[in-house]
Amino acid sequence: MKLDPAIIELDLHGLRTQEAIAKIEKAVEQAGRGTYRIRLIHGYHGGTRIKEAIVEEFSYGRNDRVKRIVPGSNEGITELILRD
């Protein structure tokens, strides 16, 4: 996982929900100042539990670094916005 780019992509396929959340939390913590978005690829068939957990864990100001959550380019992607 590269932590320098403006957009970090994490593929969460095959992970259990708690494993996915732990991987996301680590990426958020380690994201550099130049990173403004973390793209989470969770899928839309089996990825709905992970998507729900992402919303639960990172919305409503629960993590100081995450400004907001937005849908990605399709149902299988969710993006965390770290800065505008």
Protein backbone atom coordinates (compact mmCIF):
# COMPACT_ATOMS: atom_id res chain seq x y z
CA MET A 1 0.00 0.00 0.00
CA LYS A 2 1.44 3.36 -1.04
CA LEU A 3 0.73 6.20 1.37
CA ASP A 4 2.10 9.16 -0.62
CA PRO A 5 -0.48 9.59 -3.38
CA ALA A 6 -3.42 11.95 -3.28
CA ILE A 7 -5.78 8.98 -3.58
CA ILE A 8 -5.16 5.70 -1.78
CA GLU A 9 -7.02 2.63 -3.06
CA LEU A 10 -7.71 -0.31 -0.76
CA ASP A 11 -9.11 -3.56 -2.14
CA LEU A 12 -11.12 -5.15 0.65
CA HIS A 13 -12.33 -8.22 -1.27
CA GLY A 14 -12.00 -11.44 0.71
CA LEU A 15 -11.61 -9.73 4.08
CA ARG A 16 -13.90 -10.19 7.04
CA THR A 17 -15.63 -7.03 8.21
CA GLN A 18 -13.36 -6.46 11.22
CA GLU A 19 -10.24 -7.11 9.12
CA ALA A 20 -11.44 -4.57 6.55
CA ILE A 21 -12.14 -1.92 9.21
CA ALA A 22 -8.70 -2.48 10.77
CA LYS A 23 -7.04 -2.09 7.35
CA ILE A 24 -9.00 1.11 6.69
CA GLU A 25 -8.16 2.57 10.12
CA LYS A 26 -4.47 1.90 9.52
CA ALA A 27 -4.61 3.62 6.11
CA VAL A 28 -6.40 6.64 7.60
CA GLU A 29 -3.82 6.92 10.39
CA GLN A 30 -0.85 6.58 8.02
CA ALA A 31 -2.17 8.79 5.21
CA GLY A 32 0.17 11.65 4.47
CA ARG A 33 -0.78 15.30 4.19
CA GLY A 34 -1.00 14.98 0.42
CA THR A 35 -3.69 12.32 0.65
CA TYR A 36 -7.19 13.71 0.32
CA ARG A 37 -9.20 10.58 -0.51
CA ILE A 38 -9.20 6.89 0.34
CA ARG A 39 -11.06 4.74 -2.19
CA LEU A 40 -12.44 1.56 -0.64
CA ILE A 41 -13.23 -1.25 -3.06
CA HIS A 42 -15.54 -3.61 -1.20
CA GLY A 43 -17.79 -5.02 -3.93
CA TYR A 44 -21.56 -4.90 -3.98
CA HIS A 45 -22.69 -8.49 -3.70
CA GLY A 46 -20.78 -9.73 -0.67
CA GLY A 47 -19.43 -6.28 0.21
CA THR A 48 -22.58 -4.83 1.73
CA ARG A 49 -21.61 -5.76 5.29
CA ILE A 50 -18.28 -4.02 4.84
CA LYS A 51 -19.98 -0.98 3.32
CA GLU A 52 -22.39 -0.77 6.26
CA ALA A 53 -19.48 -1.08 8.70
CA ILE A 54 -17.60 1.71 6.89
CA VAL A 55 -20.58 4.04 7.28
CA GLU A 56 -20.97 3.03 10.93
CA GLU A 57 -17.28 3.49 11.79
CA PHE A 58 -16.38 6.61 9.82
CA SER A 59 -19.47 8.81 9.51
CA TYR A 60 -20.86 11.44 11.84
CA GLY A 61 -17.47 12.74 12.97
CA ARG A 62 -16.37 9.47 14.58
CA ASN A 63 -12.88 9.81 13.12
CA ASP A 64 -11.30 13.27 13.18
CA ARG A 65 -9.41 12.72 9.92
CA VAL A 66 -12.46 11.70 7.86
CA LYS A 67 -14.48 14.73 6.74
CA ARG A 68 -17.20 12.77 4.96
CA ILE A 69 -18.09 9.59 3.12
CA VAL A 70 -19.17 9.65 -0.53
CA PRO A 71 -20.27 6.91 -2.94
CA GLY A 72 -17.72 5.84 -5.52
CA SER A 73 -18.13 5.40 -9.25
CA ASN A 74 -20.25 2.27 -8.67
CA GLU A 75 -22.05 0.48 -5.82
CA GLY A 76 -18.95 -1.53 -4.92
CA ILE A 77 -16.86 1.53 -4.02
CA THR A 78 -17.05 3.93 -1.08
CA GLU A 79 -14.68 6.88 -0.65
CA LEU A 80 -13.49 8.54 2.52
CA ILE A 81 -12.73 12.24 2.06
CA LEU A 82 -9.89 13.37 4.32
CA ARG A 83 -9.66 16.96 3.13
CA ASP A 84 -11.29 19.22 0.60
